[in-house]
Protein backbone atom coordinates (compact mmCIF):
# COMPACT_ATOMS: atom_id res chain seq x y z
CA MET A 1 12.52 210.46 60.61
CA SER A 2 8.99 208.42 60.66
CA SER A 3 8.14 205.20 60.29
CA ASN A 4 4.67 203.47 59.68
CA ASN A 5 4.15 200.80 62.65
CA LYS A 6 0.54 199.89 61.60
CA GLY A 7 0.19 196.03 60.80
CA PHE A 8 -2.49 193.91 60.08
CA THR A 9 -6.05 193.97 61.70
CA LEU A 10 -7.83 191.13 62.94
CA VAL A 11 -10.86 191.18 60.57
CA GLU A 12 -7.43 191.57 57.67
CA LEU A 13 -6.17 188.60 59.53
CA LEU A 14 -9.27 186.46 59.01
CA ILE A 15 -10.27 187.24 56.17
CA ALA A 16 -6.30 186.35 54.90
CA VAL A 17 -6.84 182.98 56.74
CA THR A 18 -10.02 181.88 55.23
CA ILE A 19 -9.05 182.89 51.91
CA SER A 20 -5.87 180.12 52.25
CA VAL A 21 -8.44 177.84 53.61
CA VAL A 22 -10.35 178.16 51.05
CA ALA A 23 -7.58 177.76 48.30
CA MET A 24 -5.97 175.03 50.14
CA ALA A 25 -9.16 173.27 49.99
CA MET A 26 -9.73 173.65 46.63
CA ILE A 27 -6.39 172.28 45.73
CA TYR A 28 -6.64 169.21 48.12
CA ALA A 29 -10.48 168.27 46.46
CA GLY A 30 -8.70 168.73 42.95
CA TYR A 31 -5.70 166.30 43.77
CA LYS A 32 -7.79 163.89 45.99
CA SER A 33 -10.18 163.54 42.99
CA GLN A 34 -7.87 163.33 40.49
CA GLN A 35 -5.87 160.32 42.39
CA GLU A 36 -9.52 158.64 42.85
CA ALA A 37 -10.12 159.08 38.78
CA HIS A 38 -6.32 157.92 38.01
CA THR A 39 -7.08 154.35 40.92
CA ASN A 40 -10.51 153.65 39.45
CA GLU A 41 -8.85 153.71 35.70
CA ARG A 42 -6.52 151.39 36.68
CA LEU A 43 -9.01 149.53 38.75
CA VAL A 44 -11.11 149.25 35.18
CA VAL A 45 -7.69 148.49 33.28
CA ASP A 46 -6.84 145.56 35.67
CA MET A 47 -10.25 144.22 35.36
CA GLN A 48 -10.28 144.31 31.75
CA GLN A 49 -7.11 142.68 31.40
CA ASN A 50 -7.75 139.97 33.78
CA ALA A 51 -11.17 139.12 31.76
CA ARG A 52 -9.53 139.66 28.06
CA SER A 53 -6.24 137.71 29.25
CA THR A 54 -8.14 135.03 30.54
CA LEU A 55 -10.46 134.38 27.80
CA ALA A 56 -7.97 134.46 25.26
CA PHE A 57 -6.07 131.43 26.95
CA MET A 58 -9.73 129.68 27.13
CA ARG A 59 -10.16 130.51 23.59
CA ARG A 60 -6.91 128.73 22.55
CA GLU A 61 -7.54 126.11 24.76
CA ILE A 62 -11.24 125.16 23.69
CA ARG A 63 -10.23 125.22 20.26
CA MET A 64 -8.52 122.12 20.70
CA ALA A 65 -10.88 119.94 22.43
CA ASN A 66 -10.92 116.11 20.99
CA HIS A 67 -7.97 117.24 19.35
CA ASN A 68 -6.18 113.84 18.23
CA PRO A 69 -3.90 113.46 15.92
CA TRP A 70 -3.59 109.50 15.92
CA ALA A 71 -6.21 107.43 14.39
CA TRP A 72 -6.04 103.40 14.69
CA ASP A 73 -5.40 101.12 11.72
CA GLY A 74 -7.46 98.72 12.58
CA ILE A 75 -4.83 95.79 13.64
CA ASP A 76 -3.90 97.14 16.91
CA ASN A 77 -1.25 99.82 15.71
CA PRO A 78 -1.79 103.91 15.64
CA THR A 79 -1.26 105.08 12.65
CA ALA A 80 -1.33 109.12 12.18
CA ASN A 81 -3.83 110.34 9.87
CA GLY A 82 -5.21 106.67 9.26
CA SER A 83 -8.57 105.36 9.63
CA ILE A 84 -10.71 104.79 12.81
CA ASP A 85 -12.12 100.95 12.94
CA GLN A 86 -14.66 100.94 15.29
CA ALA A 87 -14.26 97.20 15.97
CA ASP A 88 -11.06 97.82 17.04
CA PRO A 89 -10.43 96.84 21.08
CA PHE A 90 -8.19 99.94 21.43
CA GLU A 91 -10.95 102.34 19.98
CA SER A 92 -12.02 102.69 23.87
CA THR A 93 -8.55 104.74 24.51
CA ARG A 94 -9.17 107.71 21.62
CA VAL A 95 -10.08 111.19 22.91
CA GLN A 96 -13.48 111.89 24.64
CA GLY A 97 -13.66 115.22 24.36
CA PHE A 98 -16.32 117.47 25.51
CA LEU A 99 -17.30 115.41 29.00
CA THR A 100 -18.94 118.14 31.15
CA VAL A 101 -21.32 120.43 29.27
CA ARG A 102 -22.93 122.34 32.28
CA ALA A 103 -23.71 125.87 32.58
CA ASP A 104 -21.28 126.33 35.34
CA ARG A 105 -18.23 123.87 34.41
CA LEU A 106 -16.61 123.07 31.62
CA ASN A 107 -14.59 120.24 31.19
CA PHE A 108 -12.74 118.28 28.24
CA THR A 109 -10.14 116.22 26.79
CA LEU A 110 -7.33 116.34 23.94
CA ASP A 111 -4.28 114.61 22.87
CA LEU A 112 -1.49 116.66 23.18
CA SER A 113 1.71 114.63 25.01
CA ASN A 114 4.74 114.04 22.25
CA ASN A 115 5.48 117.14 21.95
CA GLY A 116 1.99 117.83 20.22
CA MET A 117 1.71 115.17 17.82
CA GLY A 118 -0.34 112.81 20.12
CA ASP A 119 0.11 109.11 21.10
CA GLY A 120 -3.27 108.20 20.57
CA ASP A 121 -5.16 108.73 24.33
CA ASP A 122 -6.02 111.81 26.27
CA ASP A 123 -4.49 110.28 29.45
CA ASP A 124 -1.02 112.39 29.88
CA ALA A 125 -1.02 114.94 31.89
CA ASN A 126 -2.34 118.69 30.77
CA GLU A 127 -4.84 116.56 28.47
CA ASN A 128 -8.25 116.65 30.85
CA ILE A 129 -9.12 120.49 31.46
CA THR A 130 -11.70 121.54 34.02
CA TYR A 131 -12.73 125.38 33.86
CA GLY A 132 -14.97 126.62 36.44
CA PHE A 133 -15.05 128.02 40.33
CA ALA A 134 -14.42 125.49 43.33
CA ASP A 135 -17.02 123.93 45.02
CA ALA A 136 -16.29 125.46 48.16
CA ASP A 137 -17.16 129.18 46.31
CA ASP A 138 -20.12 128.19 44.41
CA ALA A 139 -21.11 125.62 46.82
CA ASN A 140 -25.11 125.59 44.66
CA GLY A 141 -23.16 125.24 41.31
CA ASP A 142 -25.19 127.98 39.68
CA GLY A 143 -21.96 129.80 38.41
CA ILE A 144 -22.01 132.84 41.08
CA ALA A 145 -19.54 133.66 43.09
CA ASP A 146 -21.11 133.12 46.59
CA GLY A 147 -18.91 135.68 48.29
CA GLY A 148 -19.29 138.05 45.55
CA ALA A 149 -16.18 137.46 43.59
CA ALA A 150 -13.92 134.18 43.85
CA GLU A 151 -10.72 132.74 41.58
CA LEU A 152 -12.19 130.58 38.12
CA LYS A 153 -9.70 127.54 38.44
CA ARG A 154 -8.44 125.52 35.56
CA VAL A 155 -7.06 121.96 36.05
CA GLY A 156 -5.60 120.46 33.62
CA ASP A 157 -4.24 116.95 34.80
CA GLY A 158 -7.30 115.57 36.63
CA ALA A 159 -6.40 116.14 39.96
CA VAL A 160 -9.02 117.10 42.50
CA PHE A 161 -10.91 120.71 41.08
CA ASP A 162 -11.52 122.66 44.66
CA GLU A 163 -9.84 125.92 46.44
CA ASP A 164 -6.43 124.43 46.11
CA SER A 165 -6.58 124.00 42.05
CA PRO A 166 -4.74 126.51 40.24
CA ALA A 167 -6.16 129.92 39.63
CA LEU A 168 -7.40 131.16 36.00
CA ALA A 169 -8.50 134.47 36.68
CA PHE A 170 -9.19 136.71 40.10
CA ASP A 171 -11.95 138.47 41.22
CA VAL A 172 -14.74 136.79 38.81
CA HIS A 173 -18.22 137.67 40.26
CA ALA A 174 -19.45 134.52 37.72
CA VAL A 175 -18.84 132.00 34.64
CA ALA A 176 -21.05 130.71 31.80
CA PHE A 177 -21.08 128.23 29.47
CA ALA A 178 -23.52 127.53 26.56
CA TYR A 179 -23.26 125.19 23.61
CA ALA A 180 -23.91 124.65 19.99
CA PHE A 181 -24.73 121.61 18.69
CA ASP A 182 -24.94 119.79 15.08
CA ALA A 183 -27.39 116.43 16.46
CA ASP A 184 -28.29 116.17 13.09
CA GLY A 185 -24.84 115.74 11.72
CA ASP A 186 -25.01 118.22 8.54
CA GLY A 187 -22.03 119.67 10.15
CA ALA A 188 -23.11 122.84 11.10
CA PRO A 189 -24.54 123.84 14.14
CA ASP A 190 -28.11 123.07 14.85
CA THR A 191 -30.86 126.02 14.72
CA TYR A 192 -34.41 126.85 15.81
CA PRO A 193 -36.51 125.73 13.38
CA GLY A 194 -38.78 127.69 11.65
CA VAL A 195 -36.85 130.99 12.65
CA PRO A 196 -35.63 132.95 9.65
CA GLY A 197 -31.73 133.82 9.66
CA GLY A 198 -30.64 130.61 10.91
CA VAL A 199 -30.34 131.53 14.67
CA VAL A 200 -28.10 128.86 16.57
CA ILE A 201 -29.54 127.15 19.35
CA TRP A 202 -27.05 127.56 22.37
CA ALA A 203 -27.57 125.00 25.04
CA PHE A 204 -26.66 123.71 28.58
CA ASP A 205 -26.61 120.45 30.88
CA SER A 206 -29.07 121.88 33.49
CA ASP A 207 -29.05 118.82 35.65
CA ASN A 208 -25.46 117.38 35.26
CA ASN A 209 -26.71 114.36 33.52
CA GLY A 210 -24.28 114.51 30.97
CA THR A 211 -26.69 115.50 28.24
CA LEU A 212 -27.74 119.08 26.81
CA ASP A 213 -31.06 119.73 27.45
CA ARG A 214 -31.98 123.79 27.97
CA HIS A 215 -31.35 126.59 25.51
CA LEU A 216 -30.66 129.78 26.67
CA ASP A 217 -32.05 132.43 23.88
CA THR A 218 -35.76 131.62 24.47
CA ASN A 219 -37.21 134.67 22.42
CA THR A 220 -35.39 133.25 19.12
CA ASP A 221 -33.64 136.82 18.16
CA GLY A 222 -30.40 135.69 17.93
CA LEU A 223 -29.14 137.46 21.43
CA ILE A 224 -28.75 135.96 24.69
CA ASP A 225 -30.02 138.80 27.12
CA GLU A 226 -32.22 139.96 29.79
CA ASN A 227 -35.18 139.56 26.77
CA ASP A 228 -34.46 136.10 27.71
CA THR A 229 -36.34 133.72 30.41
CA ALA A 230 -33.67 133.55 33.10
CA GLY A 231 -32.65 129.76 33.60
CA GLY A 232 -33.48 128.97 29.90
CA ALA A 233 -36.46 126.77 28.84
CA THR A 234 -35.88 123.07 27.77
CA LEU A 235 -34.48 121.79 24.48
CA ALA A 236 -38.01 119.61 23.74
CA SER A 237 -39.96 122.91 23.80
CA VAL A 238 -37.81 124.00 20.88
CA GLY A 239 -40.09 121.53 18.50
CA ALA A 240 -39.14 118.94 16.06
CA PRO A 241 -36.42 118.15 14.76
CA ILE A 242 -34.44 119.29 17.65
CA PRO A 243 -34.18 116.68 20.45
CA SER A 244 -34.67 116.86 23.79
CA SER A 245 -31.87 115.61 24.76
CA VAL A 246 -28.17 116.16 23.02
CA ASN A 247 -24.77 114.40 23.35
CA PRO A 248 -22.15 116.07 24.34
CA ASN A 249 -20.05 114.24 21.64
CA ASP A 250 -22.31 116.87 19.20
CA VAL A 251 -20.87 120.38 20.56
CA ARG A 252 -19.33 121.93 17.76
CA ALA A 253 -18.66 125.63 19.92
CA VAL A 254 -18.59 126.91 22.63
CA GLN A 255 -19.81 130.74 24.21
CA VAL A 256 -18.46 131.71 27.57
CA TRP A 257 -19.41 134.57 30.00
CA LEU A 258 -17.06 136.08 32.59
CA LEU A 259 -18.65 138.79 34.89
CA THR A 260 -15.67 140.13 36.58
CA ARG A 261 -15.39 142.20 39.42
CA SER A 262 -12.85 145.48 40.34
CA GLN A 263 -10.47 144.57 43.35
CA VAL A 264 -11.58 147.07 45.52
CA PRO A 265 -14.55 149.60 45.33
CA MET A 266 -14.76 152.38 43.17
CA LYS A 267 -13.18 155.41 44.99
CA GLY A 268 -15.65 158.24 45.23
CA ARG A 269 -18.12 156.13 44.00
CA SER A 270 -21.79 155.44 45.51
CA ALA A 271 -23.41 152.24 45.72
CA ALA A 272 -25.52 151.88 42.60
CA ALA A 273 -27.74 148.87 41.03
CA GLN A 274 -25.89 146.78 38.23
CA SER A 275 -27.70 144.07 36.20
CA PHE A 276 -26.03 141.98 34.07
CA VAL A 277 -26.53 138.65 31.78
CA VAL A 278 -24.34 135.95 32.31
CA GLY A 279 -25.50 132.73 30.24
CA PRO A 280 -28.48 131.72 32.05
CA ASN A 281 -28.62 133.98 34.90
CA HIS A 282 -29.32 137.39 35.29
CA ILE A 283 -27.83 138.94 37.78
CA THR A 284 -28.56 142.22 39.76
CA VAL A 285 -26.44 143.48 42.54
CA THR A 286 -26.04 147.21 44.50
CA ASP A 287 -22.60 147.99 45.89
CA GLY A 288 -19.19 150.49 44.79
CA PHE A 289 -17.60 147.85 42.86
CA LYS A 290 -17.36 148.16 38.87
CA ARG A 291 -18.16 144.81 37.25
CA ALA A 292 -18.01 144.19 33.36
CA VAL A 293 -19.29 141.09 31.48
CA PHE A 294 -16.74 139.82 28.82
CA ASN A 295 -18.51 137.45 26.15
CA SER A 296 -16.56 135.42 23.64
CA MET A 297 -18.02 132.42 21.08
CA ILE A 298 -15.36 129.78 20.37
CA THR A 299 -15.61 126.85 17.54
CA ALA A 300 -14.08 123.70 18.42
CA ARG A 301 -11.61 122.52 15.56
CA ASN A 302 -12.38 119.20 16.03
CA PRO A 303 -15.40 117.92 15.98
């Protein structure tokens, strides 16, 4: 009876081990790539949902700016849908509407008390609404988070607007607001004089004095993008009949930009330069985070 006691040689064992290691490395690389792709996809989806839900919420509220279901009848008695008597001493209690119309912050009032029926003023809870970064997150008030990203705040009751205020959105790199206005009272947003197509003027309050004084579409092509001057230009430069400053009471629409950032840097991605236009700000960053700009134009229903 014969037997074969011959085994594997050392070379054969080394070849087998090498093949096994290569195969395991390929399997791991594929698994890691798949996991990174899944994680990145989740980060992007979360970022998109964060921005879109925030803009949807803001659209609902901004559309109601200056909402006041009551008017005054001239004899100091509120009358729903009645006439407004400018001589009435109680007229001072009417809803104020748009108050702060800066590029970095928006503040407006509305009358929603009494189960939405209103009571003729904007002094009740949740009737004075402010959007923006807390001062601690944006010290110079340019609408860009000092730390790369911060919470977008919403204050609805006139409380202190700071880092402890309720968060409306997370991981926001920059926010901006611009405002279309009807200074000539013809019922339509004012447009650039002499520019074909009726290009709407989008402006903001640059010096926090309560009036619109700069516009964004500096090349008047109907787009606010990298071809426009960063920071905008003075309204005075638009020329007659557009005034050099506009009262917030003339605001008829609001445009909102949100530049949101992924919660963490993207997996398996190297740092790359990214450029964005967010209202008056032209922003360029180089890192591994994913960012995207979300934009919405909102018409106020209660001029």
